[in-house]
Every structure is written in C-alpha cells, then in structure tokens.
Amino acid sequence: MTSAAASEVLSDDSGRRLSSEERRAQIVQAALAVFGARGYEGAKTDEVARAAGVSQPYVVRLFGSKENLFLAAVEEALARLLTSFRAALAREDDDLPAGKRIGEAYVDLIEVRGLHQTLAHSYLLGSHPVIGPAARRGFAQVWRFFRDEVGLDADEARAFFAEGMLISTMIGLRIVDDYGSDPQITELFRSCFPSELPHVLDVLPRGAERW
C-alpha cells in the first residue's frame, strides 16, 4: 500500500482510526452526491474521491470500477429508502395514516444529498447490461413493499410512485431556485409539501451547488 493510501485509512477528522468498511461507507455517501448531480455517464471517480476526501486510486482499489461504485451507490440508496419506509410504517406514535408517514419519510430523505437522483439516474439505464437489471430489481422491490407490506392496492401504489417521481424530478431540476419568483412553481411546491415546505426549501440543492 502506498503512503497516501495508508494515510487514508488511518483516521477521521477526530483522529479515530477508520476501518475499511467505514471508509467505504464514506465514499459511497460521496458517490450518491456526485452521481446524483452528474449521472452515471457524467460522473468521474476522481470527483467522488475529492468529495470523499480520498485519492482516486483508493476509490478504484476499494470498488474496482465506476460501474461497481455506481451499483454500490444505488444499493445504498435503495437500502436507506426502504429502511426509512419500514421505520415509518412501524411507527405508531401519531395518528397519521401509514401512507402519509411513508410520504414524509420520502421527503425527509432529501437531506441525503443525491439519494433520490441516483435512483432516478439508474432508472434511465435500463439498456445497460449490469445496471439495468439491478435497477429493475430495486424498482420492483419498492413496488412489492407498497403492495405486500403496506397493503396498498395497485392504483394506490401507482399514485405513490407517481408523486415520488414528481418530487425526484423537482429535485433534479433544482427548480427550488424559482420558488417565490414563479407563481406556478410556488404553487407546485405548496401543493407537494403542505406541511414540510420550510424544511424542504432549506435542504433542496440549488442550481449553483456542485452536488
């Protein structure tokens, strides 16, 4: 191992030694942000490395290829999505219906920069021989969650998917830049986020932000 690679696995900002799994998780988190903003074709592993604070050779050493890194990011996004949904479904400390709780969980995940957009980018790669099948499996897994675990009928599940895709599109467009200046966009935001609007406006990525 080179001295640069060795230093990358030694410690975090507090001086605590990081395991390779912790460093891997750090890189995947950065990959979500970069792939979310750039897409699979547009993102580069050296951009992910810079975002994670490691060297590009270290990223390649852990993941082998950009394809593997993207698959890891998609897997992480899907896992966090379903974990959040299941936690919301299991919560019984309020009077909100399950669908409303899950919807709020989906919105809260905007704080995980790039999560929604990395999943959305994977859905555009259906013809890719490796990423396409993985994306389809993940998409079907979420559908089964709503049908089997939440108990929604097909029309209800479809409506939830449609609203989720609308929110993902709004994130990708960084259309929050037009909130308050464009009456139609302002109306759209108030319709989509009636109870969480201040928080959403605070955490959505802006057009000038790199990731």
N, C-alpha and C. Protein backbone atom coordinates (compact mmCIF):
# COMPACT_ATOMS: atom_id res chain seq x y z
N MET A 1 0.84 -1.19 0.00
CA MET A 1 0.00 0.00 0.00
C MET A 1 0.88 1.24 0.00
N THR A 2 0.52 2.25 -0.80
CA THR A 2 1.31 3.47 -0.82
C THR A 2 1.09 4.25 0.45
N SER A 3 2.00 5.21 0.72
CA SER A 3 1.84 6.01 1.94
C SER A 3 0.58 6.83 1.90
N ALA A 4 0.18 7.31 0.69
CA ALA A 4 -1.06 8.09 0.58
C ALA A 4 -2.26 7.23 0.90
N ALA A 5 -2.29 6.00 0.34
CA ALA A 5 -3.43 5.12 0.61
C ALA A 5 -3.47 4.74 2.07
N ALA A 6 -2.30 4.53 2.68
CA ALA A 6 -2.28 4.16 4.09
C ALA A 6 -2.84 5.27 4.95
N SER A 7 -2.50 6.53 4.63
CA SER A 7 -2.99 7.64 5.45
C SER A 7 -4.49 7.77 5.35
N GLU A 8 -5.07 7.33 4.23
CA GLU A 8 -6.50 7.47 4.04
C GLU A 8 -7.30 6.50 4.92
N VAL A 9 -6.70 5.45 5.40
CA VAL A 9 -7.45 4.51 6.23
C VAL A 9 -7.13 4.66 7.70
N LEU A 10 -6.30 5.64 8.05
CA LEU A 10 -5.87 5.72 9.44
C LEU A 10 -6.88 6.37 10.36
N SER A 11 -7.40 7.53 9.98
CA SER A 11 -8.21 8.27 10.96
C SER A 11 -9.21 9.18 10.27
N ASP A 12 -10.22 9.58 11.06
CA ASP A 12 -11.15 10.59 10.59
C ASP A 12 -10.71 11.94 11.13
N ASP A 13 -11.59 12.95 11.05
CA ASP A 13 -11.20 14.29 11.48
C ASP A 13 -10.88 14.36 12.96
N SER A 14 -11.41 13.47 13.75
CA SER A 14 -11.15 13.49 15.20
C SER A 14 -9.91 12.70 15.57
N GLY A 15 -9.28 12.05 14.59
CA GLY A 15 -8.10 11.26 14.86
C GLY A 15 -8.38 9.79 15.11
N ARG A 16 -9.67 9.39 15.07
CA ARG A 16 -10.01 7.99 15.30
C ARG A 16 -9.74 7.18 14.04
N ARG A 17 -9.13 6.04 14.22
CA ARG A 17 -8.82 5.16 13.08
C ARG A 17 -10.11 4.65 12.44
N LEU A 18 -10.19 4.72 11.14
CA LEU A 18 -11.35 4.22 10.41
C LEU A 18 -11.05 2.84 9.83
N SER A 19 -12.05 1.99 9.90
CA SER A 19 -11.94 0.70 9.24
C SER A 19 -12.16 0.88 7.75
N SER A 20 -11.80 -0.12 6.98
CA SER A 20 -12.03 -0.04 5.53
C SER A 20 -13.53 0.05 5.23
N GLU A 21 -14.37 -0.59 6.05
CA GLU A 21 -15.81 -0.51 5.83
C GLU A 21 -16.34 0.89 6.11
N GLU A 22 -15.80 1.54 7.14
CA GLU A 22 -16.22 2.92 7.42
C GLU A 22 -15.78 3.86 6.30
N ARG A 23 -14.58 3.66 5.80
CA ARG A 23 -14.11 4.49 4.70
C ARG A 23 -14.91 4.20 3.44
N ARG A 24 -15.25 2.94 3.24
CA ARG A 24 -16.08 2.58 2.09
C ARG A 24 -17.44 3.29 2.17
N ALA A 25 -18.04 3.30 3.36
CA ALA A 25 -19.33 3.96 3.53
C ALA A 25 -19.21 5.46 3.25
N GLN A 26 -18.09 6.05 3.64
CA GLN A 26 -17.86 7.46 3.39
C GLN A 26 -17.79 7.74 1.89
N ILE A 27 -17.14 6.86 1.16
CA ILE A 27 -17.03 7.03 -0.29
C ILE A 27 -18.38 6.85 -0.96
N VAL A 28 -19.15 5.87 -0.53
CA VAL A 28 -20.48 5.65 -1.11
C VAL A 28 -21.37 6.86 -0.87
N GLN A 29 -21.28 7.46 0.32
CA GLN A 29 -22.05 8.67 0.61
C GLN A 29 -21.68 9.78 -0.37
N ALA A 30 -20.39 9.95 -0.62
CA ALA A 30 -19.95 10.95 -1.59
C ALA A 30 -20.42 10.59 -3.00
N ALA A 31 -20.40 9.29 -3.31
CA ALA A 31 -20.83 8.85 -4.64
C ALA A 31 -22.30 9.17 -4.89
N LEU A 32 -23.14 9.05 -3.86
CA LEU A 32 -24.55 9.42 -4.01
C LEU A 32 -24.67 10.87 -4.46
N ALA A 33 -23.92 11.76 -3.83
CA ALA A 33 -24.00 13.18 -4.17
C ALA A 33 -23.51 13.43 -5.59
N VAL A 34 -22.39 12.82 -5.95
CA VAL A 34 -21.79 13.07 -7.26
C VAL A 34 -22.62 12.44 -8.38
N PHE A 35 -22.99 11.17 -8.23
CA PHE A 35 -23.82 10.53 -9.25
C PHE A 35 -25.18 11.20 -9.33
N GLY A 36 -25.72 11.63 -8.20
CA GLY A 36 -27.00 12.31 -8.22
C GLY A 36 -26.96 13.57 -9.06
N ALA A 37 -25.86 14.30 -8.97
CA ALA A 37 -25.73 15.56 -9.72
C ALA A 37 -25.28 15.35 -11.16
N ARG A 38 -24.40 14.37 -11.39
CA ARG A 38 -23.78 14.21 -12.71
C ARG A 38 -24.36 13.07 -13.54
N GLY A 39 -25.03 12.12 -12.89
CA GLY A 39 -25.46 10.93 -13.61
C GLY A 39 -24.32 9.94 -13.75
N TYR A 40 -24.63 8.76 -14.25
CA TYR A 40 -23.61 7.72 -14.36
C TYR A 40 -22.55 8.09 -15.39
N GLU A 41 -22.97 8.54 -16.56
CA GLU A 41 -22.01 8.85 -17.62
C GLU A 41 -21.20 10.10 -17.29
N GLY A 42 -21.82 11.07 -16.67
CA GLY A 42 -21.14 12.34 -16.43
C GLY A 42 -20.20 12.34 -15.25
N ALA A 43 -20.43 11.48 -14.27
CA ALA A 43 -19.60 11.47 -13.06
C ALA A 43 -18.27 10.78 -13.32
N LYS A 44 -17.26 11.22 -12.59
CA LYS A 44 -15.93 10.61 -12.67
C LYS A 44 -15.52 10.15 -11.28
N THR A 45 -14.75 9.08 -11.25
CA THR A 45 -14.32 8.56 -9.95
C THR A 45 -13.44 9.55 -9.20
N ASP A 46 -12.69 10.40 -9.94
CA ASP A 46 -11.87 11.37 -9.22
C ASP A 46 -12.73 12.44 -8.56
N GLU A 47 -13.93 12.73 -9.12
CA GLU A 47 -14.85 13.66 -8.46
C GLU A 47 -15.37 13.05 -7.16
N VAL A 48 -15.70 11.77 -7.21
CA VAL A 48 -16.15 11.09 -6.00
C VAL A 48 -15.04 11.09 -4.95
N ALA A 49 -13.82 10.83 -5.39
CA ALA A 49 -12.68 10.81 -4.47
C ALA A 49 -12.51 12.16 -3.80
N ARG A 50 -12.58 13.24 -4.57
CA ARG A 50 -12.44 14.58 -3.98
C ARG A 50 -13.57 14.86 -3.00
N ALA A 51 -14.79 14.48 -3.36
CA ALA A 51 -15.92 14.71 -2.47
C ALA A 51 -15.78 13.93 -1.17
N ALA A 52 -15.14 12.76 -1.24
CA ALA A 52 -14.97 11.91 -0.06
C ALA A 52 -13.70 12.25 0.72
N GLY A 53 -12.81 13.06 0.11
CA GLY A 53 -11.57 13.40 0.78
C GLY A 53 -10.52 12.31 0.73
N VAL A 54 -10.55 11.50 -0.34
CA VAL A 54 -9.56 10.43 -0.52
C VAL A 54 -8.99 10.55 -1.92
N SER A 55 -8.04 9.70 -2.24
CA SER A 55 -7.45 9.72 -3.57
C SER A 55 -8.25 8.86 -4.53
N GLN A 56 -8.15 9.17 -5.83
CA GLN A 56 -8.85 8.38 -6.84
C GLN A 56 -8.34 6.94 -6.87
N PRO A 57 -7.02 6.69 -6.74
CA PRO A 57 -6.57 5.29 -6.70
C PRO A 57 -7.17 4.50 -5.53
N TYR A 58 -7.42 5.19 -4.42
CA TYR A 58 -8.02 4.49 -3.28
C TYR A 58 -9.46 4.07 -3.59
N VAL A 59 -10.20 4.93 -4.29
CA VAL A 59 -11.56 4.58 -4.70
C VAL A 59 -11.53 3.36 -5.61
N VAL A 60 -10.63 3.37 -6.58
CA VAL A 60 -10.52 2.25 -7.51
C VAL A 60 -10.10 0.98 -6.77
N ARG A 61 -9.22 1.15 -5.81
CA ARG A 61 -8.76 -0.01 -5.03
C ARG A 61 -9.92 -0.67 -4.28
N LEU A 62 -10.84 0.13 -3.75
CA LEU A 62 -11.96 -0.43 -3.00
C LEU A 62 -13.07 -0.97 -3.89
N PHE A 63 -13.33 -0.30 -5.02
CA PHE A 63 -14.51 -0.65 -5.82
C PHE A 63 -14.18 -1.26 -7.17
N GLY A 64 -12.99 -1.05 -7.66
CA GLY A 64 -12.58 -1.67 -8.91
C GLY A 64 -12.94 -0.91 -10.17
N SER A 65 -14.15 -0.32 -10.21
CA SER A 65 -14.59 0.38 -11.42
C SER A 65 -15.70 1.36 -11.06
N LYS A 66 -15.96 2.30 -11.98
CA LYS A 66 -17.07 3.23 -11.78
C LYS A 66 -18.40 2.48 -11.76
N GLU A 67 -18.51 1.45 -12.56
CA GLU A 67 -19.74 0.66 -12.57
C GLU A 67 -20.03 0.07 -11.19
N ASN A 68 -19.02 -0.53 -10.58
CA ASN A 68 -19.20 -1.10 -9.24
C ASN A 68 -19.53 -0.03 -8.21
N LEU A 69 -18.92 1.13 -8.35
CA LEU A 69 -19.20 2.23 -7.42
C LEU A 69 -20.63 2.71 -7.57
N PHE A 70 -21.10 2.83 -8.81
CA PHE A 70 -22.48 3.24 -9.04
C PHE A 70 -23.46 2.21 -8.49
N LEU A 71 -23.18 0.95 -8.70
CA LEU A 71 -24.05 -0.10 -8.17
C LEU A 71 -24.09 -0.05 -6.64
N ALA A 72 -22.94 0.24 -6.02
CA ALA A 72 -22.91 0.36 -4.56
C ALA A 72 -23.74 1.55 -4.10
N ALA A 73 -23.68 2.65 -4.86
CA ALA A 73 -24.47 3.83 -4.51
C ALA A 73 -25.97 3.56 -4.65
N VAL A 74 -26.36 2.87 -5.72
CA VAL A 74 -27.77 2.52 -5.92
C VAL A 74 -28.24 1.59 -4.81
N GLU A 75 -27.42 0.62 -4.45
CA GLU A 75 -27.77 -0.31 -3.37
C GLU A 75 -27.96 0.44 -2.05
N GLU A 76 -27.06 1.39 -1.78
CA GLU A 76 -27.17 2.17 -0.55
C GLU A 76 -28.43 3.04 -0.56
N ALA A 77 -28.71 3.66 -1.70
CA ALA A 77 -29.91 4.49 -1.80
C ALA A 77 -31.17 3.66 -1.57
N LEU A 78 -31.23 2.50 -2.19
CA LEU A 78 -32.41 1.64 -2.04
C LEU A 78 -32.54 1.15 -0.60
N ALA A 79 -31.42 0.76 0.02
CA ALA A 79 -31.46 0.28 1.40
C ALA A 79 -31.94 1.37 2.35
N ARG A 80 -31.42 2.59 2.17
CA ARG A 80 -31.83 3.68 3.04
C ARG A 80 -33.29 4.05 2.82
N LEU A 81 -33.73 3.99 1.56
CA LEU A 81 -35.13 4.28 1.25
C LEU A 81 -36.05 3.30 1.96
N LEU A 82 -35.80 2.01 1.80
CA LEU A 82 -36.68 1.00 2.38
C LEU A 82 -36.58 0.96 3.91
N THR A 83 -35.39 1.20 4.44
CA THR A 83 -35.25 1.27 5.90
C THR A 83 -36.08 2.40 6.46
N SER A 84 -36.03 3.55 5.80
CA SER A 84 -36.81 4.71 6.24
C SER A 84 -38.31 4.43 6.11
N PHE A 85 -38.71 3.81 5.01
CA PHE A 85 -40.13 3.49 4.82
C PHE A 85 -40.62 2.52 5.89
N ARG A 86 -39.83 1.50 6.18
CA ARG A 86 -40.26 0.50 7.16
C ARG A 86 -40.33 1.09 8.56
N ALA A 87 -39.41 1.98 8.87
CA ALA A 87 -39.46 2.65 10.17
C ALA A 87 -40.72 3.49 10.29
N ALA A 88 -41.07 4.18 9.21
CA ALA A 88 -42.29 4.99 9.22
C ALA A 88 -43.53 4.12 9.33
N LEU A 89 -43.50 2.99 8.65
CA LEU A 89 -44.65 2.07 8.70
C LEU A 89 -44.83 1.51 10.10
N ALA A 90 -43.73 1.24 10.78
CA ALA A 90 -43.80 0.63 12.11
C ALA A 90 -44.14 1.64 13.21
N ARG A 91 -43.99 2.92 12.90
CA ARG A 91 -44.22 3.95 13.93
C ARG A 91 -45.70 4.06 14.27
N GLU A 92 -45.99 4.06 15.53
CA GLU A 92 -47.39 4.13 15.97
C GLU A 92 -47.59 5.24 16.99
N ASP A 93 -46.74 6.27 16.92
CA ASP A 93 -46.81 7.34 17.92
C ASP A 93 -47.60 8.55 17.46
N ASP A 94 -48.27 8.43 16.32
CA ASP A 94 -49.11 9.54 15.86
C ASP A 94 -50.33 8.97 15.16
N ASP A 95 -51.23 9.86 14.77
CA ASP A 95 -52.48 9.43 14.14
C ASP A 95 -52.44 9.48 12.62
N LEU A 96 -51.28 9.74 12.05
CA LEU A 96 -51.18 9.81 10.60
C LEU A 96 -51.34 8.42 9.98
N PRO A 97 -52.02 8.31 8.86
CA PRO A 97 -52.10 7.01 8.18
C PRO A 97 -50.73 6.60 7.67
N ALA A 98 -50.56 5.31 7.42
CA ALA A 98 -49.27 4.78 7.02
C ALA A 98 -48.74 5.46 5.77
N GLY A 99 -49.60 5.67 4.78
CA GLY A 99 -49.15 6.30 3.55
C GLY A 99 -48.59 7.69 3.77
N LYS A 100 -49.21 8.44 4.65
CA LYS A 100 -48.74 9.79 4.96
C LYS A 100 -47.39 9.74 5.65
N ARG A 101 -47.23 8.80 6.60
CA ARG A 101 -45.95 8.68 7.30
C ARG A 101 -44.82 8.31 6.34
N ILE A 102 -45.12 7.40 5.41
CA ILE A 102 -44.11 6.99 4.45
C ILE A 102 -43.79 8.13 3.49
N GLY A 103 -44.81 8.89 3.11
CA GLY A 103 -44.57 10.04 2.25
C GLY A 103 -43.65 11.06 2.91
N GLU A 104 -43.85 11.30 4.18
CA GLU A 104 -42.98 12.22 4.91
C GLU A 104 -41.56 11.68 4.99
N ALA A 105 -41.43 10.36 5.15
CA ALA A 105 -40.10 9.76 5.19
C ALA A 105 -39.39 9.95 3.86
N TYR A 106 -40.12 9.84 2.76
CA TYR A 106 -39.53 10.04 1.44
C TYR A 106 -39.01 11.46 1.30
N VAL A 107 -39.80 12.42 1.75
CA VAL A 107 -39.39 13.82 1.69
C VAL A 107 -38.18 14.07 2.59
N ASP A 108 -38.18 13.47 3.78
CA ASP A 108 -37.07 13.68 4.71
C ASP A 108 -35.74 13.20 4.12
N LEU A 109 -35.79 12.21 3.23
CA LEU A 109 -34.57 11.68 2.63
C LEU A 109 -33.91 12.66 1.66
N ILE A 110 -34.56 13.79 1.37
CA ILE A 110 -33.91 14.83 0.57
C ILE A 110 -32.62 15.27 1.24
N GLU A 111 -32.56 15.14 2.58
CA GLU A 111 -31.35 15.52 3.30
C GLU A 111 -30.15 14.67 2.91
N VAL A 112 -30.38 13.47 2.40
CA VAL A 112 -29.29 12.61 1.93
C VAL A 112 -28.99 13.03 0.50
N ARG A 113 -28.02 13.89 0.34
CA ARG A 113 -27.77 14.51 -0.97
C ARG A 113 -27.52 13.46 -2.05
N GLY A 114 -28.35 13.53 -3.09
CA GLY A 114 -28.18 12.66 -4.25
C GLY A 114 -28.93 11.35 -4.20
N LEU A 115 -29.56 11.02 -3.07
CA LEU A 115 -30.21 9.71 -2.95
C LEU A 115 -31.32 9.54 -4.00
N HIS A 116 -32.26 10.47 -4.04
CA HIS A 116 -33.36 10.34 -4.98
C HIS A 116 -32.86 10.36 -6.42
N GLN A 117 -31.88 11.24 -6.69
CA GLN A 117 -31.42 11.39 -8.06
C GLN A 117 -30.58 10.22 -8.55
N THR A 118 -29.82 9.61 -7.65
CA THR A 118 -29.05 8.42 -8.06
C THR A 118 -30.01 7.31 -8.47
N LEU A 119 -31.07 7.11 -7.70
CA LEU A 119 -32.08 6.12 -8.09
C LEU A 119 -32.71 6.50 -9.43
N ALA A 120 -33.04 7.78 -9.59
CA ALA A 120 -33.65 8.22 -10.85
C ALA A 120 -32.71 7.98 -12.03
N HIS A 121 -31.43 8.27 -11.85
CA HIS A 121 -30.47 8.02 -12.93
C HIS A 121 -30.39 6.52 -13.26
N SER A 122 -30.48 5.68 -12.25
CA SER A 122 -30.42 4.23 -12.52
C SER A 122 -31.60 3.78 -13.37
N TYR A 123 -32.74 4.46 -13.22
CA TYR A 123 -33.92 4.08 -13.99
C TYR A 123 -33.79 4.45 -15.46
N LEU A 124 -32.82 5.30 -15.81
CA LEU A 124 -32.59 5.67 -17.20
C LEU A 124 -31.59 4.76 -17.89
N LEU A 125 -31.09 3.77 -17.16
CA LEU A 125 -30.05 2.89 -17.68
C LEU A 125 -30.54 1.47 -17.90
N GLY A 126 -31.79 1.36 -18.29
CA GLY A 126 -32.38 0.04 -18.48
C GLY A 126 -31.67 -0.81 -19.51
N SER A 127 -31.01 -0.18 -20.49
CA SER A 127 -30.32 -0.95 -21.52
C SER A 127 -28.92 -1.37 -21.11
N HIS A 128 -28.44 -0.86 -19.97
CA HIS A 128 -27.10 -1.26 -19.51
C HIS A 128 -27.15 -2.71 -19.06
N PRO A 129 -26.19 -3.54 -19.50
CA PRO A 129 -26.29 -4.98 -19.22
C PRO A 129 -26.18 -5.35 -17.75
N VAL A 130 -25.56 -4.50 -16.93
CA VAL A 130 -25.41 -4.79 -15.50
C VAL A 130 -26.30 -3.89 -14.66
N ILE A 131 -26.25 -2.59 -14.91
CA ILE A 131 -27.01 -1.64 -14.10
C ILE A 131 -28.50 -1.78 -14.36
N GLY A 132 -28.89 -2.04 -15.60
CA GLY A 132 -30.31 -2.16 -15.93
C GLY A 132 -31.02 -3.22 -15.09
N PRO A 133 -30.53 -4.45 -15.06
CA PRO A 133 -31.20 -5.47 -14.23
C PRO A 133 -31.22 -5.10 -12.75
N ALA A 134 -30.15 -4.51 -12.24
CA ALA A 134 -30.11 -4.12 -10.82
C ALA A 134 -31.16 -3.04 -10.54
N ALA A 135 -31.28 -2.08 -11.45
CA ALA A 135 -32.27 -1.02 -11.27
C ALA A 135 -33.69 -1.58 -11.31
N ARG A 136 -33.93 -2.51 -12.20
CA ARG A 136 -35.27 -3.11 -12.29
C ARG A 136 -35.60 -3.90 -11.03
N ARG A 137 -34.62 -4.62 -10.52
CA ARG A 137 -34.87 -5.37 -9.28
C ARG A 137 -35.21 -4.42 -8.13
N GLY A 138 -34.48 -3.33 -8.04
CA GLY A 138 -34.75 -2.37 -6.98
C GLY A 138 -36.11 -1.73 -7.12
N PHE A 139 -36.47 -1.35 -8.34
CA PHE A 139 -37.77 -0.74 -8.60
C PHE A 139 -38.90 -1.69 -8.21
N ALA A 140 -38.75 -2.95 -8.59
CA ALA A 140 -39.76 -3.95 -8.26
C ALA A 140 -39.82 -4.20 -6.75
N GLN A 141 -38.69 -4.12 -6.09
CA GLN A 141 -38.65 -4.31 -4.64
C GLN A 141 -39.46 -3.24 -3.92
N VAL A 142 -39.35 -2.00 -4.38
CA VAL A 142 -40.13 -0.92 -3.77
C VAL A 142 -41.61 -1.12 -4.05
N TRP A 143 -41.94 -1.54 -5.27
CA TRP A 143 -43.34 -1.81 -5.60
C TRP A 143 -43.91 -2.90 -4.68
N ARG A 144 -43.13 -3.96 -4.48
CA ARG A 144 -43.61 -5.04 -3.61
C ARG A 144 -43.78 -4.55 -2.17
N PHE A 145 -42.92 -3.63 -1.74
CA PHE A 145 -43.08 -3.08 -0.39
C PHE A 145 -44.45 -2.44 -0.23
N PHE A 146 -44.85 -1.64 -1.19
CA PHE A 146 -46.14 -0.96 -1.08
C PHE A 146 -47.32 -1.93 -1.21
N ARG A 147 -47.15 -2.92 -2.05
CA ARG A 147 -48.26 -3.86 -2.24
C ARG A 147 -48.33 -4.87 -1.09
N ASP A 148 -47.21 -5.44 -0.68
CA ASP A 148 -47.22 -6.54 0.28
C ASP A 148 -47.10 -6.09 1.73
N GLU A 149 -46.25 -5.09 2.00
CA GLU A 149 -46.02 -4.69 3.38
C GLU A 149 -46.96 -3.57 3.82
N VAL A 150 -47.19 -2.60 2.95
CA VAL A 150 -48.11 -1.52 3.30
C VAL A 150 -49.55 -1.94 3.07
N GLY A 151 -49.77 -2.80 2.06
CA GLY A 151 -51.12 -3.26 1.77
C GLY A 151 -51.90 -2.35 0.84
N LEU A 152 -51.20 -1.51 0.07
CA LEU A 152 -51.89 -0.66 -0.89
C LEU A 152 -52.36 -1.50 -2.08
N ASP A 153 -53.48 -1.07 -2.69
CA ASP A 153 -53.86 -1.73 -3.93
C ASP A 153 -53.01 -1.14 -5.06
N ALA A 154 -53.17 -1.70 -6.25
CA ALA A 154 -52.29 -1.30 -7.35
C ALA A 154 -52.43 0.17 -7.70
N ASP A 155 -53.64 0.70 -7.67
CA ASP A 155 -53.84 2.10 -8.01
C ASP A 155 -53.22 3.02 -6.95
N GLU A 156 -53.34 2.64 -5.69
CA GLU A 156 -52.75 3.44 -4.63
C GLU A 156 -51.23 3.43 -4.71
N ALA A 157 -50.66 2.27 -4.99
CA ALA A 157 -49.21 2.16 -5.14
C ALA A 157 -48.73 2.98 -6.33
N ARG A 158 -49.48 2.91 -7.43
CA ARG A 158 -49.12 3.69 -8.61
C ARG A 158 -49.12 5.18 -8.31
N ALA A 159 -50.13 5.65 -7.57
CA ALA A 159 -50.22 7.07 -7.23
C ALA A 159 -49.03 7.49 -6.37
N PHE A 160 -48.62 6.62 -5.45
CA PHE A 160 -47.47 6.96 -4.61
C PHE A 160 -46.20 7.04 -5.45
N PHE A 161 -46.02 6.07 -6.35
CA PHE A 161 -44.86 6.11 -7.24
C PHE A 161 -44.86 7.38 -8.07
N ALA A 162 -46.03 7.76 -8.59
CA ALA A 162 -46.11 8.94 -9.45
C ALA A 162 -45.71 10.20 -8.68
N GLU A 163 -46.18 10.33 -7.45
CA GLU A 163 -45.82 11.51 -6.67
C GLU A 163 -44.34 11.50 -6.33
N GLY A 164 -43.80 10.32 -6.02
CA GLY A 164 -42.38 10.22 -5.74
C GLY A 164 -41.54 10.62 -6.94
N MET A 165 -41.94 10.20 -8.13
CA MET A 165 -41.20 10.57 -9.34
C MET A 165 -41.29 12.07 -9.59
N LEU A 166 -42.43 12.67 -9.29
CA LEU A 166 -42.56 14.13 -9.43
C LEU A 166 -41.58 14.84 -8.52
N ILE A 167 -41.50 14.39 -7.27
CA ILE A 167 -40.57 15.02 -6.33
C ILE A 167 -39.13 14.83 -6.79
N SER A 168 -38.79 13.64 -7.27
CA SER A 168 -37.44 13.41 -7.78
C SER A 168 -37.12 14.32 -8.95
N THR A 169 -38.10 14.53 -9.83
CA THR A 169 -37.90 15.43 -10.96
C THR A 169 -37.66 16.86 -10.50
N MET A 170 -38.40 17.29 -9.49
CA MET A 170 -38.22 18.64 -8.96
C MET A 170 -36.83 18.81 -8.35
N ILE A 171 -36.35 17.76 -7.67
CA ILE A 171 -35.01 17.82 -7.09
C ILE A 171 -33.98 17.94 -8.20
N GLY A 172 -34.10 17.09 -9.22
CA GLY A 172 -33.13 17.08 -10.30
C GLY A 172 -33.10 18.38 -11.09
N LEU A 173 -34.26 18.99 -11.28
CA LEU A 173 -34.33 20.27 -11.98
C LEU A 173 -33.76 21.42 -11.15
N ARG A 174 -33.60 21.18 -9.84
CA ARG A 174 -33.22 22.25 -8.91
C ARG A 174 -34.15 23.46 -9.08
N ILE A 175 -35.39 23.09 -9.22
CA ILE A 175 -36.43 24.07 -9.51
C ILE A 175 -36.75 24.94 -8.30
N VAL A 176 -36.18 24.58 -7.16
CA VAL A 176 -36.36 25.40 -5.97
C VAL A 176 -35.85 26.82 -6.21
N ASP A 177 -34.93 26.99 -7.17
CA ASP A 177 -34.42 28.33 -7.48
C ASP A 177 -35.54 29.26 -7.93
N ASP A 178 -36.63 28.69 -8.46
CA ASP A 178 -37.72 29.52 -8.97
C ASP A 178 -38.85 29.71 -7.96
N TYR A 179 -38.70 29.09 -6.78
CA TYR A 179 -39.74 29.26 -5.77
C TYR A 179 -39.80 30.72 -5.33
N GLY A 180 -40.99 31.25 -5.28
CA GLY A 180 -41.18 32.64 -4.86
C GLY A 180 -41.15 33.64 -5.99
N SER A 181 -40.50 33.28 -7.10
CA SER A 181 -40.45 34.20 -8.24
C SER A 181 -41.36 33.76 -9.38
N ASP A 182 -41.66 32.49 -9.45
CA ASP A 182 -42.56 31.94 -10.46
C ASP A 182 -43.81 31.44 -9.76
N PRO A 183 -44.96 32.06 -10.02
CA PRO A 183 -46.19 31.68 -9.29
C PRO A 183 -46.56 30.21 -9.48
N GLN A 184 -46.33 29.66 -10.68
CA GLN A 184 -46.71 28.27 -10.92
C GLN A 184 -45.81 27.32 -10.13
N ILE A 185 -44.53 27.62 -10.09
CA ILE A 185 -43.61 26.77 -9.33
C ILE A 185 -43.88 26.90 -7.84
N THR A 186 -44.19 28.10 -7.40
CA THR A 186 -44.53 28.30 -5.99
C THR A 186 -45.76 27.49 -5.62
N GLU A 187 -46.75 27.50 -6.50
CA GLU A 187 -47.97 26.71 -6.26
C GLU A 187 -47.65 25.22 -6.21
N LEU A 188 -46.78 24.76 -7.12
CA LEU A 188 -46.40 23.35 -7.15
C LEU A 188 -45.75 22.93 -5.84
N PHE A 189 -44.83 23.74 -5.34
CA PHE A 189 -44.16 23.41 -4.09
C PHE A 189 -45.16 23.36 -2.94
N ARG A 190 -46.04 24.30 -2.88
CA ARG A 190 -47.01 24.33 -1.77
C ARG A 190 -47.98 23.17 -1.85
N SER A 191 -48.23 22.68 -3.06
CA SER A 191 -49.10 21.52 -3.22
C SER A 191 -48.39 20.24 -2.81
N CYS A 192 -47.10 20.12 -3.18
CA CYS A 192 -46.36 18.89 -2.90
C CYS A 192 -45.93 18.78 -1.45
N PHE A 193 -45.65 19.92 -0.80
CA PHE A 193 -45.08 19.90 0.55
C PHE A 193 -45.89 20.79 1.49
N PRO A 194 -47.16 20.46 1.70
CA PRO A 194 -48.01 21.35 2.50
C PRO A 194 -47.57 21.50 3.94
N SER A 195 -46.95 20.46 4.52
CA SER A 195 -46.58 20.53 5.94
C SER A 195 -45.08 20.63 6.18
N GLU A 196 -44.26 20.42 5.14
CA GLU A 196 -42.82 20.40 5.32
C GLU A 196 -42.11 21.43 4.45
N LEU A 197 -42.84 22.41 3.95
CA LEU A 197 -42.27 23.33 2.98
C LEU A 197 -41.03 24.07 3.49
N PRO A 198 -41.06 24.66 4.69
CA PRO A 198 -39.84 25.38 5.14
C PRO A 198 -38.61 24.48 5.17
N HIS A 199 -38.78 23.25 5.68
CA HIS A 199 -37.65 22.33 5.75
C HIS A 199 -37.18 21.94 4.37
N VAL A 200 -38.10 21.66 3.46
CA VAL A 200 -37.75 21.26 2.10
C VAL A 200 -37.00 22.39 1.40
N LEU A 201 -37.48 23.61 1.53
CA LEU A 201 -36.80 24.74 0.90
C LEU A 201 -35.39 24.91 1.44
N ASP A 202 -35.18 24.53 2.68
CA ASP A 202 -33.86 24.68 3.30
C ASP A 202 -32.87 23.62 2.81
N VAL A 203 -33.34 22.41 2.53
CA VAL A 203 -32.40 21.31 2.23
C VAL A 203 -32.27 20.98 0.75
N LEU A 204 -33.16 21.46 -0.10
CA LEU A 204 -33.07 21.14 -1.52
C LEU A 204 -31.80 21.76 -2.12
N PRO A 205 -31.13 21.02 -3.01
CA PRO A 205 -29.94 21.58 -3.68
C PRO A 205 -30.32 22.69 -4.64
N ARG A 206 -29.48 23.71 -4.67
CA ARG A 206 -29.68 24.84 -5.56
C ARG A 206 -28.90 24.64 -6.85
N GLY A 207 -29.30 25.42 -7.87
CA GLY A 207 -28.67 25.29 -9.17
C GLY A 207 -27.18 25.58 -9.16
N ALA A 208 -26.74 26.46 -8.29
CA ALA A 208 -25.33 26.83 -8.25
C ALA A 208 -24.47 25.85 -7.46
N GLU A 209 -25.12 24.92 -6.74
CA GLU A 209 -24.35 23.96 -5.94
C GLU A 209 -23.81 22.85 -6.85
N ARG A 210 -22.58 22.44 -6.56
CA ARG A 210 -21.94 21.44 -7.41
C ARG A 210 -22.62 20.08 -7.30
N TRP A 211 -22.95 19.68 -6.10
CA TRP A 211 -23.59 18.38 -5.88
C TRP A 211 -24.99 18.61 -5.34
